[in-house]
Amino acid sequence: MNKEQLSDKVWSLIKQQKNGTIFSINEFYHLGNVNTIKSILFRLESDGKITRLIDGLYTIPKFSELLQEKSYPSVDQVANKLADKFSWTICPSENHALNLVGLSTQVPNKYVFVSDGPYRTYEYRGREIIFKHTSNRFITEYSRNYSVMIQAIKALGKDNIHENEIKRMTTFAKQYIDEDIIDKGKKLPAWIQEVLKKIAKEVKVL
């Protein structure tokens, strides 16, 4: 097919997705050569049909009737799409993990994820998305929510986990974690295993 036909094909595929869906340039490489696909997406963006989120990721923003403005994918959605694009396994870490577990209410400007991929940093709508390489076993052997809790424990540190923190993590574990908390953590450092024992004990009480 010529470039105009290819452009129509790309646009047709994009329109089939719900507004707010993130799509990657990689998803269209099977239709034509890389430079042609890039030029088609560039033209669609210039025409205002699609919006570039970060390099290689695009969307058609949703429109909020309530706010009367466009709404864009969340940082987590963008991070997960990047992970999908590069075949990484990721997990929220540091302040982001604390926020998800309920140990912090502060919305971070830096969203840190541990990853089995390389160290990478991206800018997205005034916030940083940071991927830090970690041992594969810390994120592939556990469910996402179990991994998030482990990252939250590591973010707090050995000397900063008290009764209040245990209670909040217990609530999170009770709602979102199905694994045997103690058995699943046998390969983790001893001090983290001690924290997990306290959480598991509280879970049984609730």
C-alpha atoms as a PDB file:
ATOM      1  CA  MET A   1       0.000   0.000   0.000  1.00  0.00           C
ATOM      2  CA  ASN A   2       1.143   3.576  -0.648  1.00  0.00           C
ATOM      3  CA  LYS A   3       1.758   6.102   2.124  1.00  0.00           C
ATOM      4  CA  GLU A   4      -1.760   7.574   2.011  1.00  0.00           C
ATOM      5  CA  GLN A   5      -3.314   4.133   2.276  1.00  0.00           C
ATOM      6  CA  LEU A   6      -0.928   3.261   5.102  1.00  0.00           C
ATOM      7  CA  SER A   7      -1.822   6.500   6.895  1.00  0.00           C
ATOM      8  CA  ASP A   8      -5.542   5.691   6.578  1.00  0.00           C
ATOM      9  CA  LYS A   9      -4.874   2.198   7.943  1.00  0.00           C
ATOM     10  CA  VAL A  10      -2.945   3.530  10.962  1.00  0.00           C
ATOM     11  CA  TRP A  11      -5.634   6.113  11.713  1.00  0.00           C
ATOM     12  CA  SER A  12      -8.370   3.489  11.374  1.00  0.00           C
ATOM     13  CA  LEU A  13      -6.635   1.241  13.903  1.00  0.00           C
ATOM     14  CA  ILE A  14      -6.185   4.122  16.329  1.00  0.00           C
ATOM     15  CA  LYS A  15      -9.850   5.158  16.088  1.00  0.00           C
ATOM     16  CA  GLN A  16     -10.934   1.639  17.032  1.00  0.00           C
ATOM     17  CA  GLN A  17      -9.432   2.186  20.500  1.00  0.00           C
ATOM     18  CA  LYS A  18     -11.303   3.975  23.274  1.00  0.00           C
ATOM     19  CA  ASN A  19     -10.199   7.528  23.929  1.00  0.00           C
ATOM     20  CA  GLY A  20      -7.549   7.525  26.638  1.00  0.00           C
ATOM     21  CA  THR A  21      -5.962   4.290  25.404  1.00  0.00           C
ATOM     22  CA  ILE A  22      -2.183   4.551  25.166  1.00  0.00           C
ATOM     23  CA  PHE A  23      -0.636   3.171  22.006  1.00  0.00           C
ATOM     24  CA  SER A  24       3.007   2.697  21.099  1.00  0.00           C
ATOM     25  CA  ILE A  25       4.676   3.415  17.788  1.00  0.00           C
ATOM     26  CA  ASN A  26       5.932  -0.191  17.904  1.00  0.00           C
ATOM     27  CA  GLU A  27       2.386  -1.439  17.404  1.00  0.00           C
ATOM     28  CA  PHE A  28       2.384  -0.194  13.798  1.00  0.00           C
ATOM     29  CA  TYR A  29       5.823  -1.310  12.632  1.00  0.00           C
ATOM     30  CA  HIS A  30       4.370  -4.449  11.061  1.00  0.00           C
ATOM     31  CA  LEU A  31       2.479  -2.251   8.593  1.00  0.00           C
ATOM     32  CA  GLY A  32       5.452  -0.440   7.067  1.00  0.00           C
ATOM     33  CA  ASN A  33       8.997   0.762   7.609  1.00  0.00           C
ATOM     34  CA  VAL A  34       9.936   2.656  10.770  1.00  0.00           C
ATOM     35  CA  ASN A  35      10.506   6.073   9.198  1.00  0.00           C
ATOM     36  CA  THR A  36       7.178   5.998   7.364  1.00  0.00           C
ATOM     37  CA  ILE A  37       5.264   5.082  10.526  1.00  0.00           C
ATOM     38  CA  LYS A  38       7.054   7.849  12.439  1.00  0.00           C
ATOM     39  CA  SER A  39       6.144  10.423   9.784  1.00  0.00           C
ATOM     40  CA  ILE A  40       2.485   9.292   9.779  1.00  0.00           C
ATOM     41  CA  LEU A  41       2.189   9.624  13.572  1.00  0.00           C
ATOM     42  CA  PHE A  42       3.969  12.976  13.432  1.00  0.00           C
ATOM     43  CA  ARG A  43       1.427  14.225  10.897  1.00  0.00           C
ATOM     44  CA  LEU A  44      -1.518  12.897  12.930  1.00  0.00           C
ATOM     45  CA  GLU A  45      -0.124  14.725  15.945  1.00  0.00           C
ATOM     46  CA  SER A  46       0.408  17.933  13.941  1.00  0.00           C
ATOM     47  CA  ASP A  47      -3.199  17.709  12.736  1.00  0.00           C
ATOM     48  CA  GLY A  48      -4.390  17.463  16.349  1.00  0.00           C
ATOM     49  CA  LYS A  49      -5.822  13.982  15.919  1.00  0.00           C
ATOM     50  CA  ILE A  50      -3.521  12.335  18.466  1.00  0.00           C
ATOM     51  CA  THR A  51      -1.412  13.572  21.368  1.00  0.00           C
ATOM     52  CA  ARG A  52       2.177  12.558  22.045  1.00  0.00           C
ATOM     53  CA  LEU A  53       2.629  11.629  25.713  1.00  0.00           C
ATOM     54  CA  ILE A  54       6.338  10.866  25.686  1.00  0.00           C
ATOM     55  CA  ASP A  55       8.688   9.613  23.007  1.00  0.00           C
ATOM     56  CA  GLY A  56       6.987   6.730  21.212  1.00  0.00           C
ATOM     57  CA  LEU A  57       3.708   6.792  23.177  1.00  0.00           C
ATOM     58  CA  TYR A  58       0.499   8.482  22.029  1.00  0.00           C
ATOM     59  CA  THR A  59      -3.179   8.739  22.892  1.00  0.00           C
ATOM     60  CA  ILE A  60      -6.425  10.413  21.945  1.00  0.00           C
ATOM     61  CA  PRO A  61      -7.238  12.157  25.236  1.00  0.00           C
ATOM     62  CA  LYS A  62     -10.591  11.684  26.895  1.00  0.00           C
ATOM     63  CA  PHE A  63     -12.745  14.788  27.350  1.00  0.00           C
ATOM     64  CA  SER A  64     -14.144  15.464  30.795  1.00  0.00           C
ATOM     65  CA  GLU A  65     -17.633  16.931  30.541  1.00  0.00           C
ATOM     66  CA  LEU A  66     -17.478  17.837  34.216  1.00  0.00           C
ATOM     67  CA  LEU A  67     -14.214  19.760  33.966  1.00  0.00           C
ATOM     68  CA  GLN A  68     -14.698  20.778  30.345  1.00  0.00           C
ATOM     69  CA  GLU A  69     -11.139  19.845  29.495  1.00  0.00           C
ATOM     70  CA  LYS A  70      -9.067  16.960  28.189  1.00  0.00           C
ATOM     71  CA  SER A  71      -7.910  14.312  30.626  1.00  0.00           C
ATOM     72  CA  TYR A  72      -4.751  12.293  30.160  1.00  0.00           C
ATOM     73  CA  PRO A  73      -3.538   8.839  31.237  1.00  0.00           C
ATOM     74  CA  SER A  74      -2.104   8.517  34.736  1.00  0.00           C
ATOM     75  CA  VAL A  75       1.605   8.174  35.473  1.00  0.00           C
ATOM     76  CA  ASP A  76       1.044   4.507  36.345  1.00  0.00           C
ATOM     77  CA  GLN A  77      -0.673   3.874  33.026  1.00  0.00           C
ATOM     78  CA  VAL A  78       2.218   5.455  31.127  1.00  0.00           C
ATOM     79  CA  ALA A  79       4.790   3.529  33.178  1.00  0.00           C
ATOM     80  CA  ASN A  80       2.963   0.247  32.583  1.00  0.00           C
ATOM     81  CA  LYS A  81       2.784   0.933  28.848  1.00  0.00           C
ATOM     82  CA  LEU A  82       6.518   1.646  28.771  1.00  0.00           C
ATOM     83  CA  ALA A  83       7.117  -1.635  30.586  1.00  0.00           C
ATOM     84  CA  ASP A  84       4.934  -3.420  28.044  1.00  0.00           C
ATOM     85  CA  LYS A  85       6.735  -1.719  25.162  1.00  0.00           C
ATOM     86  CA  PHE A  86      10.155  -2.874  26.356  1.00  0.00           C
ATOM     87  CA  SER A  87       9.044  -6.192  27.943  1.00  0.00           C
ATOM     88  CA  TRP A  88      10.042  -5.102  31.463  1.00  0.00           C
ATOM     89  CA  THR A  89       8.520  -6.235  34.728  1.00  0.00           C
ATOM     90  CA  ILE A  90       8.086  -3.236  37.027  1.00  0.00           C
ATOM     91  CA  CYS A  91       6.814  -2.390  40.498  1.00  0.00           C
ATOM     92  CA  PRO A  92       6.139   0.960  42.218  1.00  0.00           C
ATOM     93  CA  SER A  93       8.862   1.809  44.724  1.00  0.00           C
ATOM     94  CA  GLU A  94       9.962   4.394  47.289  1.00  0.00           C
ATOM     95  CA  ASN A  95       7.416   7.193  47.959  1.00  0.00           C
ATOM     96  CA  HIS A  96       5.134   5.865  45.237  1.00  0.00           C
ATOM     97  CA  ALA A  97       4.893   2.494  47.013  1.00  0.00           C
ATOM     98  CA  LEU A  98       4.277   4.226  50.353  1.00  0.00           C
ATOM     99  CA  ASN A  99       1.457   6.182  48.752  1.00  0.00           C
ATOM    100  CA  LEU A 100      -0.195   3.072  47.297  1.00  0.00           C
ATOM    101  CA  VAL A 101       0.003   1.150  50.571  1.00  0.00           C
ATOM    102  CA  GLY A 102      -1.498   4.062  52.497  1.00  0.00           C
ATOM    103  CA  LEU A 103       1.609   5.104  54.396  1.00  0.00           C
ATOM    104  CA  SER A 104       1.789   8.488  52.681  1.00  0.00           C
ATOM    105  CA  THR A 105      -0.790  10.908  51.313  1.00  0.00           C
ATOM    106  CA  GLN A 106       1.743  13.077  49.530  1.00  0.00           C
ATOM    107  CA  VAL A 107       1.466  12.958  45.745  1.00  0.00           C
ATOM    108  CA  PRO A 108       5.031  12.495  44.513  1.00  0.00           C
ATOM    109  CA  ASN A 109       6.656  14.486  41.727  1.00  0.00           C
ATOM    110  CA  LYS A 110       8.989  11.563  41.128  1.00  0.00           C
ATOM    111  CA  TYR A 111       7.413   8.192  40.449  1.00  0.00           C
ATOM    112  CA  VAL A 112      10.030   5.510  41.037  1.00  0.00           C
ATOM    113  CA  PHE A 113       9.643   1.951  39.797  1.00  0.00           C
ATOM    114  CA  VAL A 114      11.991  -0.974  40.283  1.00  0.00           C
ATOM    115  CA  SER A 115      12.464  -2.863  37.056  1.00  0.00           C
ATOM    116  CA  ASP A 116      14.281  -5.816  35.554  1.00  0.00           C
ATOM    117  CA  GLY A 117      15.189  -3.498  32.677  1.00  0.00           C
ATOM    118  CA  PRO A 118      17.856  -0.782  32.524  1.00  0.00           C
ATOM    119  CA  TYR A 119      17.909   2.492  34.431  1.00  0.00           C
ATOM    120  CA  ARG A 120      15.723   4.983  32.545  1.00  0.00           C
ATOM    121  CA  THR A 121      14.166   8.386  33.296  1.00  0.00           C
ATOM    122  CA  TYR A 122      11.232  10.031  31.499  1.00  0.00           C
ATOM    123  CA  GLU A 123       9.406  13.339  31.863  1.00  0.00           C
ATOM    124  CA  TYR A 124       5.610  13.164  31.742  1.00  0.00           C
ATOM    125  CA  ARG A 125       3.366  16.166  32.314  1.00  0.00           C
ATOM    126  CA  GLY A 126       5.645  17.803  34.872  1.00  0.00           C
ATOM    127  CA  ARG A 127       6.524  14.587  36.686  1.00  0.00           C
ATOM    128  CA  GLU A 128       9.482  12.245  36.505  1.00  0.00           C
ATOM    129  CA  ILE A 129       9.101   8.536  35.843  1.00  0.00           C
ATOM    130  CA  ILE A 130      12.220   6.721  37.015  1.00  0.00           C
ATOM    131  CA  PHE A 131      12.984   3.061  36.422  1.00  0.00           C
ATOM    132  CA  LYS A 132      15.683   1.561  38.654  1.00  0.00           C
ATOM    133  CA  HIS A 133      17.146  -1.841  37.917  1.00  0.00           C
ATOM    134  CA  THR A 134      16.743  -4.461  40.629  1.00  0.00           C
ATOM    135  CA  SER A 135      17.178  -8.187  41.042  1.00  0.00           C
ATOM    136  CA  ASN A 136      14.572  -9.966  38.947  1.00  0.00           C
ATOM    137  CA  ARG A 137      13.427 -12.097  41.887  1.00  0.00           C
ATOM    138  CA  PHE A 138      12.140  -9.068  43.795  1.00  0.00           C
ATOM    139  CA  ILE A 139       9.442  -8.410  41.206  1.00  0.00           C
ATOM    140  CA  THR A 140       8.797 -11.606  39.239  1.00  0.00           C
ATOM    141  CA  GLU A 141       8.256 -14.101  42.084  1.00  0.00           C
ATOM    142  CA  TYR A 142       5.441 -12.123  43.732  1.00  0.00           C
ATOM    143  CA  SER A 143       2.092 -10.635  42.818  1.00  0.00           C
ATOM    144  CA  ARG A 144       2.110  -6.912  42.085  1.00  0.00           C
ATOM    145  CA  ASN A 145       0.497  -5.999  45.407  1.00  0.00           C
ATOM    146  CA  TYR A 146       2.863  -8.195  47.421  1.00  0.00           C
ATOM    147  CA  SER A 147       5.782  -6.562  45.603  1.00  0.00           C
ATOM    148  CA  VAL A 148       4.372  -3.096  46.329  1.00  0.00           C
ATOM    149  CA  MET A 149       4.184  -3.904  50.038  1.00  0.00           C
ATOM    150  CA  ILE A 150       7.772  -5.190  50.047  1.00  0.00           C
ATOM    151  CA  GLN A 151       8.936  -2.010  48.323  1.00  0.00           C
ATOM    152  CA  ALA A 152       7.038   0.061  50.906  1.00  0.00           C
ATOM    153  CA  ILE A 153       8.766  -1.832  53.733  1.00  0.00           C
ATOM    154  CA  LYS A 154      12.158  -1.214  52.126  1.00  0.00           C
ATOM    155  CA  ALA A 155      11.309   2.471  51.641  1.00  0.00           C
ATOM    156  CA  LEU A 156      10.490   2.878  55.335  1.00  0.00           C
ATOM    157  CA  GLY A 157      13.650   1.133  56.473  1.00  0.00           C
ATOM    158  CA  LYS A 158      14.339  -1.238  59.339  1.00  0.00           C
ATOM    159  CA  ASP A 159      14.240   1.397  62.098  1.00  0.00           C
ATOM    160  CA  ASN A 160      11.133   3.280  60.973  1.00  0.00           C
ATOM    161  CA  ILE A 161       8.458   0.604  61.163  1.00  0.00           C
ATOM    162  CA  HIS A 162       6.274   0.870  64.241  1.00  0.00           C
ATOM    163  CA  GLU A 163       2.754  -0.112  65.300  1.00  0.00           C
ATOM    164  CA  ASN A 164       1.032   2.454  63.083  1.00  0.00           C
ATOM    165  CA  GLU A 165       2.944   1.362  59.973  1.00  0.00           C
ATOM    166  CA  ILE A 166       2.206  -2.308  60.718  1.00  0.00           C
ATOM    167  CA  LYS A 167      -1.511  -1.554  61.031  1.00  0.00           C
ATOM    168  CA  ARG A 168      -1.639   0.317  57.719  1.00  0.00           C
ATOM    169  CA  MET A 169       0.226  -2.443  55.896  1.00  0.00           C
ATOM    170  CA  THR A 170      -2.048  -5.014  57.518  1.00  0.00           C
ATOM    171  CA  THR A 171      -5.088  -3.235  56.105  1.00  0.00           C
ATOM    172  CA  PHE A 172      -3.474  -3.209  52.652  1.00  0.00           C
ATOM    173  CA  ALA A 173      -2.505  -6.888  52.901  1.00  0.00           C
ATOM    174  CA  LYS A 174      -5.986  -7.894  54.047  1.00  0.00           C
ATOM    175  CA  GLN A 175      -7.593  -6.159  51.074  1.00  0.00           C
ATOM    176  CA  TYR A 176      -5.172  -6.878  48.259  1.00  0.00           C
ATOM    177  CA  ILE A 177      -2.825  -9.802  48.988  1.00  0.00           C
ATOM    178  CA  ASP A 178      -3.825 -13.448  48.576  1.00  0.00           C
ATOM    179  CA  GLU A 179      -0.396 -15.061  49.046  1.00  0.00           C
ATOM    180  CA  ASP A 180       0.829 -16.596  52.281  1.00  0.00           C
ATOM    181  CA  ILE A 181       2.684 -13.504  53.483  1.00  0.00           C
ATOM    182  CA  ILE A 182       5.308 -15.364  55.508  1.00  0.00           C
ATOM    183  CA  ASP A 183       5.929 -18.299  53.161  1.00  0.00           C
ATOM    184  CA  LYS A 184       6.238 -16.072  50.112  1.00  0.00           C
ATOM    185  CA  GLY A 185       8.874 -13.908  51.791  1.00  0.00           C
ATOM    186  CA  LYS A 186      11.346 -16.630  52.745  1.00  0.00           C
ATOM    187  CA  LYS A 187      14.003 -15.365  50.312  1.00  0.00           C
ATOM    188  CA  LEU A 188      13.822 -11.781  51.603  1.00  0.00           C
ATOM    189  CA  PRO A 189      16.250 -10.240  54.133  1.00  0.00           C
ATOM    190  CA  ALA A 190      15.691 -11.365  57.737  1.00  0.00           C
ATOM    191  CA  TRP A 191      14.512  -7.953  58.964  1.00  0.00           C
ATOM    192  CA  ILE A 192      11.832  -7.797  56.260  1.00  0.00           C
ATOM    193  CA  GLN A 193      10.701 -11.316  57.195  1.00  0.00           C
ATOM    194  CA  GLU A 194      10.250 -10.116  60.784  1.00  0.00           C
ATOM    195  CA  VAL A 195       8.034  -7.271  59.575  1.00  0.00           C
ATOM    196  CA  LEU A 196       6.021  -9.713  57.460  1.00  0.00           C
ATOM    197  CA  LYS A 197       5.470 -11.944  60.504  1.00  0.00           C
ATOM    198  CA  LYS A 198       4.001  -8.986  62.391  1.00  0.00           C
ATOM    199  CA  ILE A 199       1.728  -8.137  59.462  1.00  0.00           C
ATOM    200  CA  ALA A 200       0.607 -11.752  59.083  1.00  0.00           C
ATOM    201  CA  LYS A 201      -0.196 -11.937  62.800  1.00  0.00           C
ATOM    202  CA  GLU A 202      -2.348  -8.801  62.556  1.00  0.00           C
ATOM    203  CA  VAL A 203      -4.092 -10.078  59.409  1.00  0.00           C
ATOM    204  CA  LYS A 204      -5.297 -13.124  61.362  1.00  0.00           C
ATOM    205  CA  VAL A 205      -6.739 -10.819  64.036  1.00  0.00           C
ATOM    206  CA  LEU A 206      -8.788  -8.725  61.594  1.00  0.00           C
END
